[in-house]
């Protein structure tokens, strides 16, 4: 999560608070806490969780692909994900202990809708991407998370600091639970099993966290349609190793590819590439 991209207008509010004095600071803290604690009314999701060996193996692959281990640690032990002075300390919880208080339905809601067991919107949970996970993939993911050995690590709590509080109050720090459509048709539950449908499902449940929910990119990431110019071998190198057509390592994409996307099967890479090639020229571009 890159909070800085949302903070452009926050400095104006900062100046305003400077003029209003202590009362402004007190109001900011109270209002930010109020917004952070505001309930989101989304019912818990019911999903079947199977603990057989094949489901656990596939669930681990699904979890790595979608970034669970990237944010929460290789062993799901949790970590301080981001620590920016005057902005935020963002902590990915220790999954192995945190989920013991969640039912399967509550955990499914947290992942798909970004709503915690207490009804609050979670910070930095990319639920707009997870929302489209099929019941089968989500059930396998939950089985994997449940099976992870307990890690006896504790972490400090997430802390909203000055700029994050200003961003929250000025609506510059959106959380997926507050902005996504919780009633939208779910791609993962469609009956269409063609290669193109599979490619769209994989892209929409793996790429939107960085490239945006419409895959059009933003100031920091390109539109996914930029890969239309890649041949299948070049796209395979891009997705599995994070390298551009000229062989350059693409930084964040490189790190993501080698830790997450390397878990794609070759037929899945082929499906994503085929779906991109089927896009009309200019689709998903800015």
Protein backbone atom coordinates (compact mmCIF):
# COMPACT_ATOMS: atom_id res chain seq x y z
CA UNK A 1 0.00 0.00 0.00
CA UNK A 2 1.49 3.34 -1.02
CA UNK A 3 -0.13 5.92 1.24
CA UNK A 4 1.88 8.74 -0.29
CA UNK A 5 -0.16 8.57 -3.49
CA UNK A 6 -3.25 9.61 -1.51
CA UNK A 7 -1.72 12.44 0.45
CA UNK A 8 -1.54 15.19 -2.15
CA UNK A 9 -4.32 17.31 -0.66
CA UNK A 10 -3.52 16.61 2.96
CA UNK A 11 -1.02 19.45 3.36
CA UNK A 12 -3.82 21.99 3.00
CA UNK A 13 -5.58 20.39 5.93
CA UNK A 14 -2.29 20.37 7.82
CA UNK A 15 -2.02 24.15 7.38
CA UNK A 16 -5.59 24.59 8.52
CA UNK A 17 -4.94 22.62 11.69
CA UNK A 18 -1.88 24.73 12.36
CA UNK A 19 -4.10 27.80 12.38
CA UNK A 20 -6.78 26.29 14.56
CA UNK A 21 -4.36 25.25 17.31
CA UNK A 22 -4.81 22.63 20.03
CA UNK A 23 -8.54 22.31 19.39
CA UNK A 24 -7.81 21.33 15.80
CA UNK A 25 -5.36 18.65 16.85
CA UNK A 26 -7.80 17.18 19.33
CA UNK A 27 -10.58 17.21 16.75
CA UNK A 28 -8.31 15.52 14.19
CA UNK A 29 -7.45 12.66 16.54
CA UNK A 30 -11.04 12.10 17.60
CA UNK A 31 -12.40 12.28 14.05
CA UNK A 32 -9.71 9.94 12.66
CA UNK A 33 -10.40 7.41 15.39
CA UNK A 34 -14.13 7.69 14.75
CA UNK A 35 -13.68 7.03 11.03
CA UNK A 36 -11.25 4.16 11.63
CA UNK A 37 -13.77 2.49 13.96
CA UNK A 38 -16.87 3.10 11.82
CA UNK A 39 -18.66 -0.21 11.12
CA UNK A 40 -19.12 -1.58 7.61
CA UNK A 41 -22.32 -3.57 7.19
CA UNK A 42 -21.34 -6.64 5.15
CA UNK A 43 -22.60 -10.12 6.06
CA UNK A 44 -20.09 -12.91 6.65
CA UNK A 45 -19.34 -15.13 3.65
CA UNK A 46 -20.01 -18.85 3.82
CA UNK A 47 -17.33 -20.96 2.11
CA UNK A 48 -16.43 -24.63 2.33
CA UNK A 49 -12.98 -25.36 3.73
CA UNK A 50 -11.40 -28.71 2.94
CA UNK A 51 -8.26 -29.86 4.76
CA UNK A 52 -7.25 -32.73 2.49
CA UNK A 53 -3.62 -32.83 1.37
CA UNK A 54 -4.27 -31.73 -2.22
CA UNK A 55 -6.34 -28.75 -1.06
CA UNK A 56 -3.61 -27.72 1.37
CA UNK A 57 -0.93 -27.83 -1.34
CA UNK A 58 -3.06 -25.82 -3.74
CA UNK A 59 -4.13 -23.46 -0.97
CA UNK A 60 -0.50 -22.64 -0.24
CA UNK A 61 0.07 -21.87 -3.92
CA UNK A 62 -3.04 -19.66 -4.04
CA UNK A 63 -1.89 -17.81 -0.91
CA UNK A 64 1.60 -17.16 -2.30
CA UNK A 65 0.19 -15.99 -5.64
CA UNK A 66 -2.15 -13.50 -3.97
CA UNK A 67 0.50 -12.08 -1.67
CA UNK A 68 -0.52 -13.43 1.75
CA UNK A 69 3.06 -14.45 2.51
CA UNK A 70 4.47 -11.28 0.98
CA UNK A 71 2.61 -9.06 3.45
CA UNK A 72 2.41 -11.35 6.48
CA UNK A 73 5.79 -13.08 6.17
CA UNK A 74 7.04 -16.39 4.78
CA UNK A 75 5.62 -18.25 7.78
CA UNK A 76 2.61 -15.92 8.15
CA UNK A 77 4.23 -14.68 11.36
CA UNK A 78 3.31 -11.05 10.69
CA UNK A 79 5.60 -8.06 10.42
CA UNK A 80 5.78 -4.30 10.43
CA UNK A 81 4.87 -3.80 6.78
CA UNK A 82 5.43 -0.04 6.64
CA UNK A 83 6.86 2.41 9.15
CA UNK A 84 6.81 6.00 7.93
CA UNK A 85 7.50 8.74 10.47
CA UNK A 86 4.56 11.16 10.75
CA UNK A 87 2.51 8.93 8.40
CA UNK A 88 1.76 5.43 9.67
CA UNK A 89 3.09 2.27 11.24
CA UNK A 90 1.27 -0.42 9.30
CA UNK A 91 1.45 -3.90 10.80
CA UNK A 92 0.48 -7.10 9.01
CA UNK A 93 -0.80 -9.29 11.87
CA UNK A 94 0.54 -12.68 12.87
CA UNK A 95 -1.97 -14.76 10.90
CA UNK A 96 -1.25 -17.95 12.83
CA UNK A 97 -2.57 -16.45 16.06
CA UNK A 98 -4.94 -13.73 14.81
CA UNK A 99 -7.25 -16.07 12.90
CA UNK A 100 -7.92 -18.34 15.87
CA UNK A 101 -10.65 -15.92 16.97
CA UNK A 102 -12.24 -15.89 13.49
CA UNK A 103 -14.79 -18.32 12.16
CA UNK A 104 -14.33 -19.45 8.56
CA UNK A 105 -17.16 -17.15 7.48
CA UNK A 106 -15.62 -14.17 9.29
CA UNK A 107 -12.22 -14.89 7.78
CA UNK A 108 -13.75 -15.14 4.30
CA UNK A 109 -15.40 -11.76 4.85
CA UNK A 110 -12.11 -10.22 5.99
CA UNK A 111 -10.34 -11.43 2.86
CA UNK A 112 -13.09 -10.78 0.31
CA UNK A 113 -14.60 -7.63 1.78
CA UNK A 114 -11.89 -6.12 3.98
CA UNK A 115 -14.11 -6.17 7.08
CA UNK A 116 -12.70 -7.38 10.39
CA UNK A 117 -14.47 -9.60 12.90
CA UNK A 118 -15.51 -6.46 14.81
CA UNK A 119 -16.99 -4.89 11.66
CA UNK A 120 -14.28 -2.32 10.94
CA UNK A 121 -12.69 -1.66 7.55
CA UNK A 122 -9.19 -3.16 7.46
CA UNK A 123 -6.22 -1.06 6.43
CA UNK A 124 -4.22 -2.23 3.38
CA UNK A 125 -6.16 -5.46 2.79
CA UNK A 126 -6.50 -5.64 -1.05
CA UNK A 127 -10.03 -7.01 -0.83
CA UNK A 128 -11.16 -5.48 -4.12
CA UNK A 129 -8.78 -8.01 -5.70
CA UNK A 130 -9.61 -10.89 -3.37
CA UNK A 131 -13.34 -10.30 -3.84
CA UNK A 132 -13.32 -12.17 -7.15
CA UNK A 133 -11.67 -15.33 -5.77
CA UNK A 134 -13.73 -18.43 -6.44
CA UNK A 135 -15.24 -20.29 -3.52
CA UNK A 136 -12.89 -23.18 -4.29
CA UNK A 137 -9.72 -21.04 -4.29
CA UNK A 138 -10.78 -19.14 -1.18
CA UNK A 139 -11.65 -22.37 0.64
CA UNK A 140 -8.22 -23.81 -0.16
CA UNK A 141 -6.54 -20.59 0.94
CA UNK A 142 -8.36 -20.70 4.27
CA UNK A 143 -7.34 -24.33 4.75
CA UNK A 144 -3.71 -23.37 4.21
CA UNK A 145 -3.92 -20.43 6.61
CA UNK A 146 -5.51 -22.64 9.26
CA UNK A 147 -2.81 -25.29 8.86
CA UNK A 148 0.15 -22.94 9.30
CA UNK A 149 2.23 -23.77 12.41
CA UNK A 150 1.72 -21.27 15.22
CA UNK A 151 4.38 -18.57 15.37
CA UNK A 152 4.86 -17.08 18.83
CA UNK A 153 5.66 -13.57 17.67
CA UNK A 154 3.97 -10.37 18.78
CA UNK A 155 4.05 -7.04 16.99
CA UNK A 156 3.12 -3.47 17.84
CA UNK A 157 -0.30 -2.31 16.74
CA UNK A 158 -0.93 -0.36 13.57
CA UNK A 159 -0.58 3.33 14.43
CA UNK A 160 -2.15 6.18 12.48
CA UNK A 161 0.20 9.11 12.66
CA UNK A 162 -0.33 12.74 11.68
CA UNK A 163 -0.46 12.48 7.88
CA UNK A 164 -2.50 9.28 7.90
CA UNK A 165 -5.02 10.89 10.23
CA UNK A 166 -5.27 13.91 7.96
CA UNK A 167 -5.56 11.62 4.96
CA UNK A 168 -8.31 9.62 6.61
CA UNK A 169 -10.29 12.71 7.56
CA UNK A 170 -9.88 14.26 4.08
CA UNK A 171 -10.75 10.96 2.35
CA UNK A 172 -7.26 10.61 0.88
CA UNK A 173 -6.66 7.19 2.44
CA UNK A 174 -9.41 4.96 1.04
CA UNK A 175 -9.88 1.45 2.37
CA UNK A 176 -11.27 -1.20 0.06
CA UNK A 177 -14.18 -2.02 2.37
CA UNK A 178 -15.42 1.57 2.06
CA UNK A 179 -15.02 1.92 -1.71
CA UNK A 180 -15.66 -1.46 -3.36
CA UNK A 181 -18.94 -2.86 -4.65
CA UNK A 182 -19.79 -5.66 -2.23
CA UNK A 183 -22.64 -6.88 -4.45
CA UNK A 184 -20.81 -7.12 -7.79
CA UNK A 185 -20.91 -10.41 -9.73
CA UNK A 186 -17.92 -12.54 -8.70
CA UNK A 187 -15.63 -13.57 -11.57
CA UNK A 188 -14.50 -16.73 -9.80
CA UNK A 189 -18.02 -18.16 -9.70
CA UNK A 190 -18.82 -17.83 -13.40
CA UNK A 191 -19.68 -20.94 -15.40
CA UNK A 192 -17.41 -19.86 -18.27
CA UNK A 193 -14.35 -22.14 -18.29
CA UNK A 194 -12.71 -20.95 -21.53
CA UNK A 195 -9.05 -19.93 -21.58
CA UNK A 196 -9.99 -16.24 -21.93
CA UNK A 197 -12.31 -16.37 -18.92
CA UNK A 198 -9.56 -18.10 -16.94
CA UNK A 199 -7.06 -15.44 -17.97
CA UNK A 200 -9.38 -12.62 -16.90
CA UNK A 201 -10.01 -14.31 -13.53
CA UNK A 202 -6.30 -14.75 -12.86
CA UNK A 203 -5.46 -11.18 -13.85
CA UNK A 204 -8.28 -9.65 -11.82
CA UNK A 205 -7.35 -11.67 -8.71
CA UNK A 206 -3.60 -11.11 -8.99
CA UNK A 207 -2.82 -7.78 -10.68
CA UNK A 208 -5.33 -5.16 -9.54
CA UNK A 209 -3.58 -4.52 -6.23
CA UNK A 210 -0.91 -2.55 -8.11
CA UNK A 211 -2.48 -1.83 -11.51
CA UNK A 212 -5.89 -0.70 -10.20
CA UNK A 213 -9.30 -2.33 -10.16
CA UNK A 214 -9.75 -1.50 -13.85
CA UNK A 215 -6.12 -2.41 -14.66
CA UNK A 216 -5.56 1.07 -16.08
CA UNK A 217 -2.62 1.83 -13.80
CA UNK A 218 -1.88 5.17 -12.17
CA UNK A 219 1.00 7.56 -11.61
CA UNK A 220 3.19 4.78 -10.20
CA UNK A 221 2.20 1.72 -12.27
CA UNK A 222 1.45 1.28 -15.98
CA UNK A 223 -1.79 0.01 -17.47
CA UNK A 224 -1.72 -3.76 -17.81
CA UNK A 225 -2.48 -3.33 -21.51
CA UNK A 226 1.15 -2.22 -21.93
CA UNK A 227 1.96 -5.93 -21.99
CA UNK A 228 0.02 -6.22 -25.27
CA UNK A 229 3.32 -5.58 -27.03
CA UNK A 230 4.96 -8.64 -25.47
CA UNK A 231 5.28 -11.97 -27.23
CA UNK A 232 4.32 -15.00 -25.15
CA UNK A 233 7.99 -15.81 -24.27
CA UNK A 234 8.57 -12.16 -23.33
CA UNK A 235 5.39 -12.06 -21.25
CA UNK A 236 6.40 -15.29 -19.51
CA UNK A 237 9.71 -13.67 -18.55
CA UNK A 238 7.86 -10.56 -17.39
CA UNK A 239 5.41 -12.46 -15.21
CA UNK A 240 7.75 -15.08 -13.75
CA UNK A 241 10.97 -13.06 -13.49
CA UNK A 242 9.88 -9.42 -13.65
CA UNK A 243 11.94 -8.49 -16.69
CA UNK A 244 11.00 -6.11 -19.48
CA UNK A 245 11.43 -7.02 -23.15
CA UNK A 246 14.92 -5.49 -23.12
CA UNK A 247 15.94 -7.59 -20.12
CA UNK A 248 15.71 -4.83 -17.50
CA UNK A 249 14.68 -5.82 -14.00
CA UNK A 250 11.46 -3.92 -13.29
CA UNK A 251 11.98 -3.20 -9.60
CA UNK A 252 8.77 -3.86 -7.68
CA UNK A 253 7.44 -6.00 -10.53
CA UNK A 254 10.66 -8.00 -10.39
CA UNK A 255 10.34 -8.59 -6.66
CA UNK A 256 6.66 -9.47 -7.00
CA UNK A 257 7.25 -11.80 -9.92
CA UNK A 258 10.02 -13.77 -8.23
CA UNK A 259 8.20 -14.12 -4.90
CA UNK A 260 4.55 -14.41 -5.98
CA UNK A 261 4.00 -14.87 -9.69
CA UNK A 262 6.67 -17.54 -10.01
CA UNK A 263 3.95 -19.80 -8.58
CA UNK A 264 1.83 -19.43 -11.73
CA UNK A 265 1.64 -22.57 -13.84
CA UNK A 266 2.60 -22.15 -17.48
CA UNK A 267 -0.97 -22.76 -18.63
CA UNK A 268 -2.07 -19.91 -16.37
CA UNK A 269 0.55 -17.58 -17.84
CA UNK A 270 -0.69 -18.57 -21.30
CA UNK A 271 -4.28 -17.80 -20.27
CA UNK A 272 -3.46 -14.33 -18.96
CA UNK A 273 -1.47 -13.52 -22.10
CA UNK A 274 -4.28 -14.79 -24.35
CA UNK A 275 -6.81 -12.64 -22.48
CA UNK A 276 -4.61 -9.57 -22.91
CA UNK A 277 -4.22 -10.25 -26.63
CA UNK A 278 -7.99 -10.46 -26.99
CA UNK A 279 -8.46 -6.95 -25.61
CA UNK A 280 -9.57 -4.37 -28.19
CA UNK A 281 -6.79 -1.92 -29.04
CA UNK A 282 -6.76 0.83 -26.45
CA UNK A 283 -8.72 -1.13 -23.87
CA UNK A 284 -7.62 -0.75 -20.25
CA UNK A 285 -5.36 2.17 -21.13
CA UNK A 286 -5.41 5.67 -19.70
